[in-house]
Each structure stands twice: as structure tokens, then as C-alpha cells.
Amino acid sequence: MRSARRRALIEKKKKAGKVTGLLIKIFLPIIIVIGFFLVLRSDIRYWNGHDKFILAYRLENGDAAVSVLDPKLSELTTLVIPGDTKVDVARNYGELRIKNVWQLGANEKVGGGLLAETVTQNFLFPVFLWSDSDAKSLVGGNLGEILHFIFFPKSTNVSFSDRLSAGLFSLKIQDLGKSWLDLGKNQFLVKQILNDGQTGFVLNGPVSPRLTVYFSDNDFADKNLRVIINDATGIPGVADEVGQIIEVMGGKVISVNKIISGDKNYTVSDCRVSGNDLKVVKKVADIFYCKTDKGAASVDLTIDLGQGFAKRF
């Protein structure tokens, strides 16, 4: 009797073990895939498959590049700034050739953000994502190079999921959808002797709308957003430059209000962006590294600038 019960118990355990093994084989891979998908989704910060994805990076020869990935038009446009172009470096570091900005950012422990900020301020390209030279693989790299950028990037502030999305987009775009514009080989820059006595490039007057057209933002252009800038920086030209960048994105600056120094009713020490459209607010805040706040009463977007902003812009 005991032997029969023992055999029955053993058979029952075997059946349970088979069922458990089958469940593990079927459901564990599904759970892993779902978990991986959820991790990817939570890591996506800027790629949404609709808005332009803009990335600044250095090239091995010292040039700087800005790539605009446009999912809506299925186009990838890259603007190249020659390394010997003179720029006013962001954060008040003075004038340098742009080929030296990446290393300066590394030396000052601010990373490639210094390159992105410098490009934005000098060329009015609204870009805050940055990467080292391996990002060039998005433009003309093979599958191996793109995979290396996705999984083993040198230095970047672009999240893994965003790199994955950008890489897949690049692989999908045919060569006809990719364009490469070297500003040194066009009328946008001119050659002249720079302060160090050597030949270099400078902007040929104001930044051409033929360049800034690549950076228009659908949320701004489609909604005809009105913007007010409150300027308490105390530095002439800073608020106007911010306004120019906003207009490149497609916004309309209807007023720049000067705030008297020491005004006790003005509490913004650096930068604050407020508005009812939280998506737009975040976009502007990301570009200028500002804090965000809820709704604006009379306009779509309000940008408050303080003295601290002028010191780092």
C-alpha cells in the first residue's frame, strides 16, 4: 500500500515538474521580452517617431556636425561646421576655433554639452543632445558601426533607447534621403585671417534662413505659438539671441520685457519656462537648461531670464 502511494506521489511530482518546465519555456521568454520592451520605453527621452531629433557631435578631423533626423519627412540632414571656424564659446569661455571646444568641455568637466551650447549660440541651431565622433555612423556608417554607437558609445548624453531608435531610423533611410552640407564649401562662411594670425572661417553675416529652416519645430510652427521673454540678465543682446533661437523653432516673440535690476517682484535668478503646453515647455527648457513652471496667463509661452543665465549663456 505504501509503495503504491509512493509511486503515485512520484508520478504526481513528475507531472507537476513537466508542467512547470513547460510554463517556464513558454512564458519566461515572453516575460523577458515584455520586460526588455518596458525598460526600453522607460529609457526613451526624446525620440517619439514624430518630432525632429537633433544631435551635435565632433568629427575626427576637428569639424563639428549637427544631424537632423526628421521622421515625418524620412530625411537625415547633416550640417558640417569646419573645425577652423571662429566661435564665441558658450559659458563665456571666449573665442576659439570650434575644433578646440570639445577638448575644452572635457578639461572643464562639462562634456560635449559645451559644443552643443556653442553651436546653438553661434548658429541658432536649437540642439542640446551631443555625442563623440562615433555618432557619424548614423550618417554613413555600416551596420557594425551603428551597432557600436548604440551599445558602446564613446561619450554622449543620448539614452540607449534614443540611440537605438536613431540607429534603426538611419538604417531605414536610403542614401537619397541623406544629405551632407559642408558650410565651409558654401557662402554661409567666409575665409579670413583670425586673431591668431592663421586663416579660418567666420559667419558671413547673420545666420541664413536657408540653414535654420532645417530646425523648425512642428509644435511651434503648427500652433503659431506666441512667446514673451522677461529679461533681467542686465546684459544687452542675451534675450534677443534667445528670441532668435525661439523663432528658428517656429515661435513668434511678441515682446521682450526689460526687468529693472533689483526688482523684488522678480524672483528668477537663472532661467524659467512656463506655459500651458507642457511638451513645448519641456522642449525650450531642455535647450536652455531652464526650470519649468505651470501655465502662462496671457500667452502660450513665457521665458524668464535672470543674471545667472547670462553668466552661463
Protein backbone atom coordinates (compact mmCIF):
# COMPACT_ATOMS: atom_id res chain seq x y z
CA MET A 1 0.00 0.00 0.00
CA ARG A 2 2.74 2.43 0.97
CA SER A 3 4.68 1.52 -2.17
CA ALA A 4 1.67 2.31 -4.36
CA ARG A 5 1.15 5.68 -2.65
CA ARG A 6 4.83 6.49 -3.03
CA ARG A 7 4.74 5.69 -6.76
CA ALA A 8 1.61 7.81 -7.17
CA LEU A 9 3.29 10.71 -5.36
CA ILE A 10 6.39 10.40 -7.53
CA GLU A 11 4.26 10.35 -10.70
CA LYS A 12 2.37 13.41 -9.49
CA LYS A 13 5.64 15.29 -8.86
CA LYS A 14 6.92 14.32 -12.33
CA LYS A 15 3.76 15.64 -13.96
CA ALA A 16 3.99 18.86 -11.93
CA GLY A 17 7.63 19.19 -12.93
CA LYS A 18 6.77 18.78 -16.62
CA VAL A 19 4.03 21.38 -16.40
CA THR A 20 6.35 23.80 -14.59
CA GLY A 21 9.09 23.24 -17.17
CA LEU A 22 6.64 23.82 -19.99
CA LEU A 23 5.40 27.03 -18.40
CA ILE A 24 8.97 28.25 -17.95
CA LYS A 25 9.84 27.50 -21.59
CA ILE A 26 6.74 29.27 -22.89
CA PHE A 27 6.21 32.19 -20.55
CA LEU A 28 9.72 33.09 -19.38
CA PRO A 29 10.86 34.29 -22.85
CA ILE A 30 7.63 36.27 -23.14
CA ILE A 31 8.19 37.86 -19.74
CA ILE A 32 11.80 38.70 -20.67
CA VAL A 33 10.73 40.29 -23.96
CA ILE A 34 8.00 42.31 -22.27
CA GLY A 35 10.40 43.40 -19.53
CA PHE A 36 13.02 44.45 -22.10
CA PHE A 37 10.36 46.39 -24.02
CA LEU A 38 9.21 48.19 -20.86
CA VAL A 39 12.83 49.09 -19.99
CA LEU A 40 13.33 50.48 -23.49
CA ARG A 41 10.14 52.51 -23.28
CA SER A 42 11.06 53.97 -19.91
CA ASP A 43 14.51 54.92 -21.23
CA ILE A 44 13.19 56.84 -24.26
CA ARG A 45 13.56 60.54 -23.55
CA TYR A 46 13.35 62.40 -26.84
CA TRP A 47 12.63 60.09 -29.77
CA ASN A 48 8.89 59.81 -30.34
CA GLY A 49 8.80 58.97 -34.04
CA HIS A 50 7.26 62.33 -34.97
CA ASP A 51 9.45 65.22 -33.83
CA LYS A 52 12.85 66.05 -35.25
CA PHE A 53 15.78 64.52 -33.39
CA ILE A 54 18.79 66.87 -33.43
CA LEU A 55 22.28 65.80 -32.42
CA ALA A 56 25.59 67.73 -32.30
CA TYR A 57 28.88 65.87 -32.38
CA ARG A 58 32.53 66.26 -33.21
CA LEU A 59 34.28 64.64 -36.14
CA GLU A 60 37.72 63.05 -36.01
CA ASN A 61 39.23 65.77 -38.21
CA GLY A 62 38.13 68.52 -35.79
CA ASP A 63 34.99 69.60 -37.64
CA ALA A 64 31.67 69.84 -35.79
CA ALA A 65 28.48 68.34 -37.19
CA VAL A 66 24.78 68.67 -36.48
CA SER A 67 22.46 65.96 -37.76
CA VAL A 68 18.71 66.46 -38.04
CA LEU A 69 16.71 63.21 -38.15
CA ASP A 70 13.23 64.00 -39.45
CA PRO A 71 10.83 61.02 -39.06
CA LYS A 72 7.98 62.98 -40.61
CA LEU A 73 9.81 63.51 -43.92
CA SER A 74 12.04 60.41 -43.62
CA GLU A 75 15.14 62.57 -44.10
CA LEU A 76 18.51 62.84 -42.38
CA THR A 77 20.32 66.15 -42.93
CA THR A 78 23.82 66.86 -41.61
CA LEU A 79 25.37 70.32 -41.44
CA VAL A 80 29.16 70.38 -41.05
CA ILE A 81 30.97 73.31 -39.43
CA PRO A 82 34.69 73.40 -40.35
CA GLY A 83 36.98 72.98 -37.35
CA ASP A 84 38.74 76.27 -38.11
CA THR A 85 35.54 78.30 -37.72
CA LYS A 86 35.82 81.03 -35.08
CA VAL A 87 33.06 80.91 -32.46
CA ASP A 88 32.17 82.59 -29.19
CA VAL A 89 32.31 79.66 -26.81
CA ALA A 90 29.29 79.23 -24.55
CA ARG A 91 29.54 79.90 -20.80
CA ASN A 92 31.76 82.94 -21.50
CA TYR A 93 34.92 80.99 -22.34
CA GLY A 94 35.88 83.49 -25.03
CA GLU A 95 36.69 82.99 -28.71
CA LEU A 96 38.12 79.75 -30.08
CA ARG A 97 38.18 77.70 -33.23
CA ILE A 98 35.34 75.25 -32.91
CA LYS A 99 37.70 72.28 -33.20
CA ASN A 100 39.01 73.14 -29.72
CA VAL A 101 35.63 73.34 -27.99
CA TRP A 102 35.21 69.59 -27.40
CA GLN A 103 38.53 69.32 -25.56
CA LEU A 104 37.76 72.46 -23.56
CA GLY A 105 34.50 70.86 -22.45
CA ALA A 106 36.41 67.78 -21.36
CA ASN A 107 39.01 69.84 -19.50
CA GLU A 108 36.33 71.86 -17.71
CA LYS A 109 34.34 68.67 -16.94
CA VAL A 110 31.20 69.90 -18.69
CA GLY A 111 31.43 67.34 -21.50
CA GLY A 112 30.07 67.67 -25.00
CA GLY A 113 27.32 69.96 -23.76
CA LEU A 114 29.73 72.84 -24.30
CA LEU A 115 29.89 72.02 -28.01
CA ALA A 116 26.09 71.80 -28.31
CA GLU A 117 25.60 75.09 -26.46
CA THR A 118 28.26 76.81 -28.55
CA VAL A 119 26.64 75.65 -31.78
CA THR A 120 23.25 76.86 -30.57
CA GLN A 121 24.50 80.30 -29.61
CA ASN A 122 26.58 80.93 -32.73
CA PHE A 123 24.42 79.35 -35.41
CA LEU A 124 20.97 79.48 -33.74
CA PHE A 125 20.55 75.70 -34.14
CA PRO A 126 18.41 74.55 -31.17
CA VAL A 127 20.42 71.48 -30.13
CA PHE A 128 21.19 70.06 -26.70
CA LEU A 129 21.88 66.40 -27.48
CA TRP A 130 25.54 65.67 -28.12
CA SER A 131 27.94 62.87 -28.83
CA ASP A 132 31.53 62.00 -29.64
CA SER A 133 32.67 61.20 -33.19
CA ASP A 134 31.08 57.74 -33.35
CA ALA A 135 27.69 59.39 -33.90
CA LYS A 136 28.78 59.93 -37.51
CA SER A 137 27.81 56.30 -38.08
CA LEU A 138 24.18 57.49 -38.25
CA VAL A 139 25.04 59.40 -41.42
CA GLY A 140 27.10 56.93 -43.42
CA GLY A 141 28.20 54.09 -41.19
CA ASN A 142 27.72 50.41 -41.80
CA LEU A 143 25.64 48.15 -39.56
CA GLY A 144 28.60 47.32 -37.32
CA GLU A 145 29.45 50.98 -36.74
CA ILE A 146 25.85 51.86 -35.96
CA LEU A 147 25.59 48.96 -33.51
CA HIS A 148 28.81 50.11 -31.84
CA PHE A 149 27.35 53.61 -31.38
CA ILE A 150 24.13 52.15 -29.97
CA PHE A 151 25.67 49.70 -27.50
CA PHE A 152 29.17 51.07 -26.82
CA PRO A 153 29.18 54.86 -27.39
CA LYS A 154 32.30 56.84 -26.57
CA SER A 155 30.65 59.79 -24.84
CA THR A 156 27.10 61.08 -25.19
CA ASN A 157 24.04 62.33 -23.32
CA VAL A 158 21.71 60.38 -25.63
CA SER A 159 19.98 57.50 -23.85
CA PHE A 160 20.32 53.90 -25.05
CA SER A 161 16.71 53.72 -26.28
CA ASP A 162 17.08 57.00 -28.17
CA ARG A 163 20.32 55.74 -29.76
CA LEU A 164 18.54 52.54 -30.73
CA SER A 165 15.65 54.44 -32.31
CA ALA A 166 18.00 56.80 -34.15
CA GLY A 167 20.10 53.89 -35.38
CA LEU A 168 17.07 52.00 -36.70
CA PHE A 169 15.87 55.18 -38.40
CA SER A 170 19.27 55.65 -40.05
CA LEU A 171 19.28 52.09 -41.36
CA LYS A 172 15.80 52.58 -42.80
CA ILE A 173 16.65 55.79 -44.68
CA GLN A 174 18.02 55.31 -48.20
CA ASP A 175 21.05 57.28 -49.39
CA LEU A 176 18.78 59.63 -51.34
CA GLY A 177 17.16 60.64 -48.05
CA LYS A 178 20.51 61.61 -46.52
CA SER A 179 22.15 64.95 -47.27
CA TRP A 180 25.51 66.39 -46.19
CA LEU A 181 26.07 70.16 -46.24
CA ASP A 182 29.59 71.46 -45.56
CA LEU A 183 29.22 75.12 -44.54
CA GLY A 184 32.87 75.78 -45.47
CA LYS A 185 32.15 74.94 -49.09
CA ASN A 186 29.20 77.31 -49.39
CA GLN A 187 28.57 81.02 -48.99
CA PHE A 188 27.47 80.65 -45.36
CA LEU A 189 31.05 81.04 -44.08
CA VAL A 190 33.90 83.17 -45.37
CA LYS A 191 37.66 82.72 -45.03
CA GLN A 192 39.76 85.38 -43.37
CA ILE A 193 42.77 85.82 -41.11
CA LEU A 194 41.73 85.22 -37.49
CA ASN A 195 43.15 86.79 -34.34
CA ASP A 196 45.88 84.13 -34.10
CA GLY A 197 47.24 85.18 -37.50
CA GLN A 198 46.10 81.99 -39.25
CA THR A 199 43.37 81.53 -41.86
CA GLY A 200 39.97 80.41 -40.62
CA PHE A 201 36.24 80.81 -41.14
CA VAL A 202 33.68 83.26 -39.78
CA LEU A 203 29.96 83.57 -40.36
CA ASN A 204 29.11 85.56 -43.46
CA GLY A 205 26.71 87.95 -41.72
CA PRO A 206 23.54 86.82 -39.89
CA VAL A 207 22.75 83.12 -39.94
CA SER A 208 20.94 82.33 -43.18
CA PRO A 209 17.31 81.14 -43.06
CA ARG A 210 18.44 78.53 -45.60
CA LEU A 211 20.24 76.85 -42.69
CA THR A 212 17.81 77.46 -39.86
CA VAL A 213 14.87 76.07 -41.89
CA TYR A 214 16.06 72.56 -41.01
CA PHE A 215 15.37 73.23 -37.32
CA SER A 216 11.75 74.36 -37.36
CA ASP A 217 9.67 72.51 -34.78
CA ASN A 218 6.24 71.16 -35.67
CA ASP A 219 4.74 72.02 -32.27
CA PHE A 220 5.75 75.66 -32.70
CA ALA A 221 5.02 76.14 -36.39
CA ASP A 222 1.69 74.31 -36.44
CA LYS A 223 0.33 76.09 -33.37
CA ASN A 224 1.71 79.57 -34.14
CA LEU A 225 2.88 79.92 -30.53
CA ARG A 226 3.27 83.41 -29.05
CA VAL A 227 6.18 83.97 -26.70
CA ILE A 228 7.09 86.63 -24.14
CA ILE A 229 10.62 86.96 -22.78
CA ASN A 230 11.23 88.71 -19.45
CA ASP A 231 14.83 89.89 -19.39
CA ALA A 232 16.54 90.50 -16.05
CA THR A 233 20.01 89.46 -17.25
CA GLY A 234 21.38 93.00 -17.32
CA ILE A 235 23.41 92.03 -20.41
CA PRO A 236 22.37 93.53 -23.77
CA GLY A 237 21.69 91.05 -26.54
CA VAL A 238 21.18 87.89 -24.47
CA ALA A 239 17.37 87.95 -24.54
CA ASP A 240 17.38 88.91 -28.22
CA GLU A 241 19.53 85.90 -29.03
CA VAL A 242 17.20 83.61 -27.09
CA GLY A 243 14.33 85.12 -29.07
CA GLN A 244 16.09 84.39 -32.35
CA ILE A 245 16.50 80.73 -31.40
CA ILE A 246 12.82 80.52 -30.44
CA GLU A 247 11.86 81.98 -33.82
CA VAL A 248 14.06 79.44 -35.60
CA MET A 249 11.93 76.79 -33.91
CA GLY A 250 8.82 78.49 -35.26
CA GLY A 251 7.64 80.57 -32.30
CA LYS A 252 6.69 84.24 -32.50
CA VAL A 253 8.29 86.51 -29.89
CA ILE A 254 5.76 89.26 -29.33
CA SER A 255 7.56 91.07 -26.51
CA VAL A 256 10.91 91.28 -24.72
CA ASN A 257 10.37 92.99 -21.37
CA LYS A 258 13.33 94.51 -19.58
CA ILE A 259 13.25 93.91 -15.82
CA ILE A 260 14.92 96.52 -13.62
CA SER A 261 17.82 95.14 -11.63
CA GLY A 262 16.85 94.55 -8.00
CA ASP A 263 13.12 94.26 -8.69
CA LYS A 264 11.86 92.38 -5.63
CA ASN A 265 8.84 91.05 -7.54
CA TYR A 266 11.13 89.17 -9.95
CA THR A 267 12.47 86.03 -8.29
CA VAL A 268 14.06 84.17 -11.21
CA SER A 269 17.83 84.01 -10.75
CA ASP A 270 18.65 81.85 -13.77
CA CYS A 271 16.02 80.69 -16.26
CA ARG A 272 12.41 79.54 -16.13
CA VAL A 273 9.99 78.46 -18.87
CA SER A 274 6.24 78.36 -18.30
CA GLY A 275 3.22 77.65 -20.47
CA ASN A 276 0.11 75.54 -20.83
CA ASP A 277 1.59 73.15 -23.40
CA LEU A 278 3.92 71.06 -21.24
CA LYS A 279 5.54 69.39 -24.25
CA VAL A 280 6.59 72.74 -25.69
CA VAL A 281 7.70 73.98 -22.27
CA LYS A 282 9.99 70.98 -21.87
CA LYS A 283 11.49 71.41 -25.34
CA VAL A 284 12.52 75.00 -24.63
CA ALA A 285 13.69 74.19 -21.11
CA ASP A 286 15.92 71.40 -22.44
CA ILE A 287 17.60 73.69 -24.97
CA PHE A 288 18.38 76.44 -22.47
CA TYR A 289 18.74 74.24 -19.35
CA CYS A 290 15.90 76.03 -17.59
CA LYS A 291 13.48 75.11 -14.84
CA THR A 292 9.83 74.69 -15.78
CA ASP A 293 6.61 76.03 -14.33
CA LYS A 294 2.89 75.69 -14.98
CA GLY A 295 0.72 77.81 -17.28
CA ALA A 296 1.20 81.31 -18.60
CA ALA A 297 -1.76 83.65 -18.26
CA SER A 298 -1.74 85.82 -21.37
CA VAL A 299 0.49 83.98 -23.91
CA ASP A 300 1.42 80.46 -24.97
CA LEU A 301 4.93 80.58 -23.54
CA THR A 302 6.83 82.78 -21.10
CA ILE A 303 10.61 82.67 -20.72
CA ASP A 304 12.10 84.37 -17.65
CA LEU A 305 15.83 85.10 -17.77
CA GLY A 306 17.93 86.11 -14.76
CA GLN A 307 21.51 87.17 -14.18
CA GLY A 308 22.63 83.59 -13.61
CA PHE A 309 21.53 82.68 -17.14
CA ALA A 310 23.68 85.42 -18.66
CA LYS A 311 26.74 84.10 -16.83
CA ARG A 312 26.48 80.68 -18.46
CA PHE A 313 24.99 81.56 -21.85
